[in-house]
N, C-alpha and C. Protein backbone atom coordinates (compact mmCIF):
# COMPACT_ATOMS: atom_id res chain seq x y z
N MET A 1 0.84 -1.18 0.00
CA MET A 1 0.00 0.00 0.00
C MET A 1 0.88 1.24 0.00
N HIS A 2 0.47 2.19 -0.76
CA HIS A 2 1.19 3.46 -0.85
C HIS A 2 1.12 4.18 0.50
N PRO A 3 2.23 4.75 0.98
CA PRO A 3 2.22 5.42 2.29
C PRO A 3 1.25 6.60 2.39
N ASP A 4 0.90 7.22 1.27
CA ASP A 4 -0.04 8.34 1.30
C ASP A 4 -1.50 7.88 1.38
N ASN A 5 -1.71 6.56 1.37
CA ASN A 5 -3.08 6.04 1.36
C ASN A 5 -3.34 5.19 2.61
N ARG A 6 -2.76 5.58 3.72
CA ARG A 6 -2.92 4.81 4.96
C ARG A 6 -4.37 4.71 5.41
N ASN A 7 -5.15 5.75 5.18
CA ASN A 7 -6.56 5.74 5.56
C ASN A 7 -7.44 5.09 4.50
N ARG A 8 -6.81 4.57 3.46
CA ARG A 8 -7.53 3.91 2.36
C ARG A 8 -8.59 4.82 1.74
N THR A 9 -8.22 6.06 1.55
CA THR A 9 -9.11 7.01 0.91
C THR A 9 -9.39 6.60 -0.53
N TYR A 10 -8.38 6.11 -1.21
CA TYR A 10 -8.50 5.66 -2.59
C TYR A 10 -8.44 4.13 -2.61
N TYR A 11 -9.20 3.53 -3.50
CA TYR A 11 -9.20 2.07 -3.57
C TYR A 11 -9.52 1.61 -4.99
N VAL A 12 -9.21 0.37 -5.27
CA VAL A 12 -9.40 -0.22 -6.60
C VAL A 12 -10.60 -1.16 -6.58
N VAL A 13 -11.46 -1.01 -7.57
CA VAL A 13 -12.60 -1.90 -7.75
C VAL A 13 -12.38 -2.66 -9.06
N VAL A 14 -12.54 -3.99 -9.01
CA VAL A 14 -12.41 -4.81 -10.21
C VAL A 14 -13.79 -5.36 -10.55
N SER A 15 -14.11 -5.34 -11.83
CA SER A 15 -15.38 -5.91 -12.27
C SER A 15 -15.19 -6.70 -13.56
N ARG A 16 -16.16 -7.54 -13.82
CA ARG A 16 -16.15 -8.34 -15.04
C ARG A 16 -17.21 -7.78 -15.98
N ARG A 17 -16.80 -7.49 -17.20
CA ARG A 17 -17.73 -6.95 -18.20
C ARG A 17 -17.69 -7.86 -19.43
N GLY A 18 -18.70 -8.65 -19.58
CA GLY A 18 -18.79 -9.52 -20.75
C GLY A 18 -18.15 -10.87 -20.52
N ASP A 19 -18.12 -11.67 -21.59
CA ASP A 19 -17.60 -13.03 -21.53
C ASP A 19 -16.45 -13.27 -22.50
N GLY A 20 -15.86 -12.20 -23.02
CA GLY A 20 -14.77 -12.35 -23.98
C GLY A 20 -13.51 -12.92 -23.33
N THR A 21 -12.41 -12.87 -24.05
CA THR A 21 -11.16 -13.44 -23.54
C THR A 21 -10.52 -12.57 -22.47
N ASP A 22 -10.80 -11.28 -22.44
CA ASP A 22 -10.22 -10.35 -21.45
C ASP A 22 -11.32 -9.50 -20.83
N PRO A 23 -12.19 -10.09 -20.00
CA PRO A 23 -13.39 -9.39 -19.55
C PRO A 23 -13.24 -8.52 -18.30
N PHE A 24 -12.07 -8.54 -17.68
CA PHE A 24 -11.94 -7.83 -16.40
C PHE A 24 -11.41 -6.42 -16.57
N CYS A 25 -11.89 -5.51 -15.72
CA CYS A 25 -11.44 -4.13 -15.74
C CYS A 25 -11.31 -3.63 -14.29
N TRP A 26 -10.59 -2.53 -14.13
CA TRP A 26 -10.41 -1.93 -12.81
C TRP A 26 -10.79 -0.45 -12.87
N GLU A 27 -11.08 0.10 -11.70
CA GLU A 27 -11.37 1.53 -11.58
C GLU A 27 -10.90 2.00 -10.22
N ILE A 28 -10.29 3.18 -10.17
CA ILE A 28 -9.87 3.78 -8.90
C ILE A 28 -11.00 4.68 -8.42
N ARG A 29 -11.35 4.52 -7.16
CA ARG A 29 -12.40 5.34 -6.56
C ARG A 29 -11.89 5.98 -5.28
N ARG A 30 -12.59 7.02 -4.86
CA ARG A 30 -12.25 7.72 -3.61
C ARG A 30 -13.47 7.66 -2.70
N ARG A 31 -13.21 7.38 -1.44
CA ARG A 31 -14.29 7.32 -0.46
C ARG A 31 -14.83 8.72 -0.17
N ARG A 32 -16.08 8.80 0.19
CA ARG A 32 -16.79 9.99 0.66
C ARG A 32 -17.12 11.01 -0.42
N GLU A 33 -16.30 11.19 -1.43
CA GLU A 33 -16.63 12.14 -2.49
C GLU A 33 -16.06 11.66 -3.82
N ALA A 34 -16.75 12.00 -4.88
CA ALA A 34 -16.30 11.58 -6.22
C ALA A 34 -14.98 12.24 -6.56
N MET A 35 -14.20 11.59 -7.42
CA MET A 35 -12.89 12.12 -7.81
C MET A 35 -13.00 13.23 -8.85
N GLY A 36 -14.05 13.27 -9.61
CA GLY A 36 -14.18 14.28 -10.66
C GLY A 36 -13.68 13.80 -12.01
N VAL A 37 -12.87 12.75 -12.01
CA VAL A 37 -12.41 12.11 -13.25
C VAL A 37 -12.46 10.60 -13.03
N LYS A 38 -12.58 9.88 -14.12
CA LYS A 38 -12.59 8.42 -14.02
C LYS A 38 -11.21 7.91 -14.39
N VAL A 39 -10.64 7.10 -13.52
CA VAL A 39 -9.34 6.48 -13.77
C VAL A 39 -9.59 4.98 -13.81
N SER A 40 -9.39 4.38 -14.98
CA SER A 40 -9.73 2.97 -15.14
C SER A 40 -8.89 2.32 -16.23
N GLY A 41 -8.97 1.01 -16.28
CA GLY A 41 -8.30 0.23 -17.31
C GLY A 41 -9.10 -1.02 -17.59
N SER A 42 -9.01 -1.55 -18.79
CA SER A 42 -9.77 -2.75 -19.14
C SER A 42 -8.94 -3.68 -20.00
N GLY A 43 -9.49 -4.88 -20.24
CA GLY A 43 -8.82 -5.83 -21.12
C GLY A 43 -7.91 -6.79 -20.38
N TYR A 44 -8.32 -7.25 -19.21
CA TYR A 44 -7.49 -8.16 -18.42
C TYR A 44 -8.13 -9.54 -18.39
N ARG A 45 -7.29 -10.56 -18.45
CA ARG A 45 -7.75 -11.94 -18.53
C ARG A 45 -8.30 -12.47 -17.22
N SER A 46 -7.77 -11.96 -16.08
CA SER A 46 -8.20 -12.48 -14.78
C SER A 46 -8.46 -11.33 -13.80
N HIS A 47 -9.20 -11.66 -12.75
CA HIS A 47 -9.47 -10.70 -11.68
C HIS A 47 -8.14 -10.25 -11.07
N ARG A 48 -7.24 -11.18 -10.83
CA ARG A 48 -5.95 -10.88 -10.21
C ARG A 48 -5.13 -9.94 -11.08
N ALA A 49 -5.09 -10.17 -12.38
CA ALA A 49 -4.32 -9.31 -13.29
C ALA A 49 -4.88 -7.89 -13.29
N ALA A 50 -6.21 -7.77 -13.30
CA ALA A 50 -6.84 -6.44 -13.27
C ALA A 50 -6.57 -5.76 -11.94
N HIS A 51 -6.65 -6.50 -10.84
CA HIS A 51 -6.41 -5.93 -9.51
C HIS A 51 -4.97 -5.44 -9.38
N ASP A 52 -4.03 -6.25 -9.81
CA ASP A 52 -2.61 -5.84 -9.75
C ASP A 52 -2.35 -4.60 -10.59
N ALA A 53 -2.91 -4.55 -11.80
CA ALA A 53 -2.73 -3.38 -12.67
C ALA A 53 -3.38 -2.15 -12.04
N GLY A 54 -4.55 -2.32 -11.45
CA GLY A 54 -5.22 -1.20 -10.78
C GLY A 54 -4.41 -0.67 -9.61
N ASN A 55 -3.82 -1.57 -8.84
CA ASN A 55 -2.99 -1.14 -7.71
C ASN A 55 -1.73 -0.40 -8.18
N ARG A 56 -1.14 -0.84 -9.27
CA ARG A 56 0.03 -0.12 -9.82
C ARG A 56 -0.38 1.29 -10.27
N ALA A 57 -1.55 1.37 -10.91
CA ALA A 57 -2.05 2.68 -11.35
C ALA A 57 -2.37 3.57 -10.14
N LEU A 58 -2.90 2.98 -9.09
CA LEU A 58 -3.19 3.74 -7.87
C LEU A 58 -1.91 4.28 -7.26
N ASP A 59 -0.86 3.48 -7.22
CA ASP A 59 0.43 3.95 -6.70
C ASP A 59 0.95 5.13 -7.53
N ARG A 60 0.84 5.04 -8.86
CA ARG A 60 1.29 6.14 -9.73
C ARG A 60 0.46 7.39 -9.48
N LEU A 61 -0.85 7.22 -9.34
CA LEU A 61 -1.73 8.36 -9.08
C LEU A 61 -1.35 9.03 -7.77
N LEU A 62 -1.13 8.25 -6.73
CA LEU A 62 -0.79 8.82 -5.43
C LEU A 62 0.59 9.48 -5.45
N ASP A 63 1.53 8.90 -6.21
CA ASP A 63 2.84 9.54 -6.38
C ASP A 63 2.68 10.91 -7.04
N ASP A 64 1.87 10.96 -8.11
CA ASP A 64 1.65 12.21 -8.82
C ASP A 64 0.96 13.25 -7.92
N LEU A 65 -0.03 12.80 -7.15
CA LEU A 65 -0.71 13.73 -6.24
C LEU A 65 0.25 14.26 -5.17
N SER A 66 1.13 13.39 -4.70
CA SER A 66 2.11 13.79 -3.69
C SER A 66 3.08 14.82 -4.26
N LYS A 67 3.55 14.60 -5.49
CA LYS A 67 4.46 15.55 -6.14
C LYS A 67 3.76 16.89 -6.36
N GLU A 68 2.50 16.82 -6.78
CA GLU A 68 1.73 18.04 -7.03
C GLU A 68 1.56 18.83 -5.72
N SER A 69 1.33 18.13 -4.66
CA SER A 69 1.15 18.75 -3.35
C SER A 69 2.45 19.44 -2.89
N GLU A 70 3.59 18.79 -3.14
CA GLU A 70 4.89 19.35 -2.75
C GLU A 70 5.20 20.62 -3.53
N THR A 71 4.88 20.66 -4.80
CA THR A 71 5.20 21.84 -5.62
C THR A 71 4.28 23.01 -5.34
N SER A 72 3.12 22.75 -4.77
CA SER A 72 2.19 23.86 -4.49
C SER A 72 2.41 24.48 -3.13
N ARG A 73 3.36 23.98 -2.39
CA ARG A 73 3.65 24.55 -1.05
C ARG A 73 4.47 25.80 -1.13
């Protein structure tokens, strides 16, 4: 887990859409209030693959938010 997400404000949701060869997708969500943008990915063969990819994307998002926060100080 990313150190900036200790309270689990952001989390990854995995869902299955359809019955094709790569039906799984992920989406990053924020608790209590909408993010204002949708961050997601699709085309994964398994729930685990989509979850892992979503967590990597969440880490990148939190890194970017952290950098943005540092530069605005």
